[in-house]
Protein backbone atom coordinates (compact mmCIF):
# COMPACT_ATOMS: atom_id res chain seq x y z
CA UNK A 1 -13.71 -27.23 0.09
CA UNK A 2 -14.28 -26.75 -4.23
CA UNK A 3 -13.79 -29.75 -6.19
CA UNK A 4 -10.51 -27.99 -7.52
CA UNK A 5 -8.09 -27.24 -4.81
CA UNK A 6 -5.85 -24.12 -6.36
CA UNK A 7 -2.87 -24.73 -4.28
CA UNK A 8 -3.40 -28.75 -5.37
CA UNK A 9 -3.84 -27.48 -9.37
CA UNK A 10 -0.48 -25.03 -9.64
CA UNK A 11 1.39 -28.13 -7.85
CA UNK A 12 0.60 -30.48 -9.94
CA UNK A 13 -0.64 -32.53 -7.43
CA UNK A 14 -2.89 -35.68 -8.12
CA UNK A 15 -5.44 -37.23 -6.06
CA UNK A 16 -4.15 -40.09 -4.62
CA UNK A 17 -0.63 -39.45 -4.95
CA UNK A 18 1.95 -39.05 -2.23
CA UNK A 19 1.94 -35.38 -2.32
CA UNK A 20 -1.90 -35.18 -2.03
CA UNK A 21 -1.23 -38.02 1.13
CA UNK A 22 0.94 -35.19 2.82
CA UNK A 23 -1.40 -32.46 2.39
CA UNK A 24 -4.51 -34.52 3.41
CA UNK A 25 -2.64 -34.26 6.89
CA UNK A 26 -3.04 -30.52 7.35
CA UNK A 27 -6.79 -30.89 5.88
CA UNK A 28 -7.20 -27.90 7.61
CA UNK A 29 -4.51 -25.98 6.40
CA UNK A 30 -5.55 -26.92 3.07
CA UNK A 31 -9.17 -26.24 3.57
CA UNK A 32 -8.42 -22.41 4.87
CA UNK A 33 -5.69 -21.84 1.92
CA UNK A 34 -8.43 -22.47 -0.57
CA UNK A 35 -11.31 -20.65 1.68
CA UNK A 36 -9.04 -17.70 1.20
CA UNK A 37 -8.59 -18.09 -2.64
CA UNK A 38 -12.21 -18.04 -3.17
CA UNK A 39 -12.98 -15.24 -0.84
CA UNK A 40 -10.00 -12.94 -2.77
CA UNK A 41 -10.64 -14.20 -5.87
CA UNK A 42 -13.71 -15.54 -6.53
CA UNK A 43 -15.89 -13.52 -4.06
CA UNK A 44 -19.53 -13.51 -4.35
CA UNK A 45 -19.22 -9.91 -3.75
CA UNK A 46 -16.24 -7.91 -4.92
CA UNK A 47 -17.14 -5.26 -2.99
CA UNK A 48 -14.46 -2.20 -2.88
CA UNK A 49 -11.89 -4.08 -5.22
CA UNK A 50 -12.89 -5.54 -8.55
CA UNK A 51 -12.03 -8.78 -10.11
CA UNK A 52 -9.88 -6.67 -12.52
CA UNK A 53 -7.62 -4.77 -9.95
CA UNK A 54 -7.53 -8.09 -7.47
CA UNK A 55 -5.97 -10.05 -10.48
CA UNK A 56 -3.64 -7.14 -12.14
CA UNK A 57 -2.06 -7.01 -8.33
CA UNK A 58 -1.59 -10.96 -8.40
CA UNK A 59 -0.17 -10.68 -11.96
CA UNK A 60 2.06 -8.06 -10.30
CA UNK A 61 2.91 -9.45 -6.93
CA UNK A 62 2.83 -13.34 -8.01
CA UNK A 63 5.82 -12.12 -11.06
CA UNK A 64 7.73 -9.83 -8.57
CA UNK A 65 8.46 -13.62 -6.67
CA UNK A 66 9.81 -14.98 -10.20
CA UNK A 67 8.15 -17.20 -12.94
CA UNK A 68 6.69 -20.26 -11.43
CA UNK A 69 3.19 -21.84 -12.58
CA UNK A 70 1.53 -18.84 -9.80
CA UNK A 71 2.72 -16.51 -11.67
CA UNK A 72 1.46 -17.93 -14.93
CA UNK A 73 -2.20 -18.73 -13.71
CA UNK A 74 -2.42 -15.03 -12.76
CA UNK A 75 -1.40 -13.20 -15.95
CA UNK A 76 -3.62 -15.48 -17.85
CA UNK A 77 -6.66 -14.34 -15.18
CA UNK A 78 -5.72 -10.85 -15.87
CA UNK A 79 -5.61 -11.49 -19.32
CA UNK A 80 -8.98 -13.74 -19.24
CA UNK A 81 -10.84 -10.98 -17.47
CA UNK A 82 -13.07 -8.72 -19.28
CA UNK A 83 -11.12 -5.52 -18.47
CA UNK A 84 -7.67 -6.71 -18.01
CA UNK A 85 -6.16 -7.71 -21.28
CA UNK A 86 -4.79 -4.03 -21.69
CA UNK A 87 -3.43 -3.95 -18.63
CA UNK A 88 -1.59 -7.37 -18.87
CA UNK A 89 1.20 -5.46 -20.72
CA UNK A 90 1.69 -2.84 -18.51
CA UNK A 91 1.35 -4.88 -15.51
CA UNK A 92 4.90 -6.76 -17.20
CA UNK A 93 6.49 -3.97 -17.97
CA UNK A 94 6.07 -2.59 -13.82
CA UNK A 95 7.30 -6.43 -13.00
CA UNK A 96 10.57 -5.73 -14.40
CA UNK A 97 10.77 -2.40 -13.23
CA UNK A 98 10.15 -3.72 -9.67
CA UNK A 99 12.13 -6.97 -9.47
CA UNK A 100 14.74 -6.95 -6.81
CA UNK A 101 15.58 -9.10 -3.39
CA UNK A 102 15.28 -7.89 -0.23
CA UNK A 103 13.56 -7.75 2.18
CA UNK A 104 14.77 -3.83 2.77
CA UNK A 105 14.36 -1.78 5.31
CA UNK A 106 15.35 -0.23 8.95
CA UNK A 107 14.65 -0.97 12.27
CA UNK A 108 14.08 1.41 15.06
CA UNK A 109 17.53 2.57 17.14
CA UNK A 110 18.30 -0.52 18.80
CA UNK A 111 20.32 -4.19 18.13
CA UNK A 112 18.56 -5.02 15.25
CA UNK A 113 19.57 -1.81 13.25
CA UNK A 114 22.35 -3.60 12.27
CA UNK A 115 20.25 -5.55 10.11
CA UNK A 116 19.21 -2.46 8.26
CA UNK A 117 19.20 -2.59 4.64
CA UNK A 118 18.61 -0.13 1.78
CA UNK A 119 16.80 -1.02 -1.12
CA UNK A 120 14.58 0.10 -4.47
CA UNK A 121 12.07 2.69 -3.24
CA UNK A 122 9.42 1.56 -6.52
CA UNK A 123 7.23 3.64 -7.84
CA UNK A 124 4.95 2.81 -10.97
CA UNK A 125 6.20 4.87 -14.73
CA UNK A 126 5.27 7.80 -15.68
CA UNK A 127 4.06 6.56 -18.88
CA UNK A 128 2.44 3.61 -17.21
CA UNK A 129 0.17 5.32 -14.81
CA UNK A 130 -2.47 6.19 -17.38
CA UNK A 131 -3.46 2.97 -18.46
CA UNK A 132 -3.28 1.84 -14.84
CA UNK A 133 -5.26 4.71 -13.43
CA UNK A 134 -4.45 6.28 -9.79
CA UNK A 135 -6.11 2.97 -7.75
CA UNK A 136 -3.98 0.46 -9.56
CA UNK A 137 -0.70 2.80 -9.17
CA UNK A 138 -1.54 3.16 -5.44
CA UNK A 139 -2.00 -0.30 -5.17
CA UNK A 140 1.03 -1.59 -7.18
CA UNK A 141 3.75 0.67 -5.03
CA UNK A 142 2.01 -0.39 -1.46
CA UNK A 143 2.49 -4.37 -2.79
CA UNK A 144 5.59 -3.78 -3.68
CA UNK A 145 6.39 -2.23 -0.18
CA UNK A 146 4.49 -5.20 1.48
CA UNK A 147 6.44 -7.58 -0.49
CA UNK A 148 10.29 -5.69 -0.32
CA UNK A 149 9.59 -3.35 2.84
CA UNK A 150 7.59 -4.72 5.42
CA UNK A 151 9.09 -2.89 8.01
CA UNK A 152 8.90 0.29 6.71
CA UNK A 153 5.60 0.56 5.96
CA UNK A 154 3.55 3.74 7.19
CA UNK A 155 0.54 5.77 7.98
CA UNK A 156 1.80 7.56 4.99
CA UNK A 157 1.04 4.77 3.00
CA UNK A 158 -2.27 4.43 3.44
CA UNK A 159 -2.93 7.92 3.14
CA UNK A 160 -1.81 7.40 -0.73
CA UNK A 161 -4.31 4.82 -1.12
CA UNK A 162 -6.88 6.40 0.37
CA UNK A 163 -5.74 9.33 -1.83
CA UNK A 164 -5.97 7.38 -5.01
CA UNK A 165 -9.16 6.35 -3.62
CA UNK A 166 -9.33 3.46 -2.06
CA UNK A 167 -11.55 2.46 0.77
CA UNK A 168 -10.09 1.40 4.78
CA UNK A 169 -11.70 -2.04 3.78
CA UNK A 170 -10.02 -1.86 0.72
CA UNK A 171 -6.81 -1.40 1.81
CA UNK A 172 -7.57 -3.91 4.08
CA UNK A 173 -8.39 -6.32 1.54
CA UNK A 174 -5.41 -5.59 -0.77
CA UNK A 175 -3.03 -6.20 2.10
CA UNK A 176 -4.59 -9.71 2.76
CA UNK A 177 -4.45 -10.27 -1.06
CA UNK A 178 -0.54 -9.66 -1.03
CA UNK A 179 0.56 -11.83 2.10
CA UNK A 180 -1.76 -14.69 1.00
CA UNK A 181 -0.36 -14.42 -2.63
CA UNK A 182 3.63 -14.43 -0.77
CA UNK A 183 2.13 -17.63 0.74
CA UNK A 184 0.79 -19.36 -2.15
CA UNK A 185 4.01 -18.85 -4.10
CA UNK A 186 5.99 -20.31 -1.37
CA UNK A 187 3.53 -23.22 -0.71
CA UNK A 188 3.38 -24.32 -4.30
CA UNK A 189 7.51 -23.89 -4.70
CA UNK A 190 8.08 -26.29 -1.85
CA UNK A 191 5.28 -28.88 -3.01
CA UNK A 192 6.86 -28.45 -6.38
CA UNK A 193 10.12 -29.22 -5.15
CA UNK A 194 9.35 -32.29 -2.95
CA UNK A 195 7.51 -33.98 -6.11
CA UNK A 196 11.39 -33.21 -7.82
CA UNK A 197 12.93 -34.75 -5.20
CA UNK A 198 10.50 -38.12 -4.71
CA UNK A 199 10.39 -38.46 -8.75
């Protein structure tokens, strides 16, 4: 495990604290979460998704979940990236356009249909498409779908990513990144709530 555990950092967990001891009970889960972060955000080879694209998607997804140390961390990460600073204003504006609640979507006809719920179908604003570029436009729209309409994802959504220049491998990594961020936001929020309750 790396010397600085990202979840510990974002949750404000000090070595030797009660929460540190709680996390130590699930050492494998702790280590796997850290390995996932490193693989997604500090890879040896960025491959099909640049570090800027990863930071931009992360700032967007965590921003959709609301203001938190996690969203601030990824905004800072994007701003610090050599190519990221010009994107930050566009990402922040798109977060505001994309904020909603959920989950939304429709189940196949049957007993679960009673839980069907319509909601915002997010599209990047026309004015910010030139700043973001086709790949990030498609990535943000797909990320929003995964966060708020997970049961509505379909093959047409994959085709939109492919048409924007995403490879099959890149699409898998993008989806993993969104899933990890949703997990990370919830874990950090839970740990910070525990810390506040025990203070």
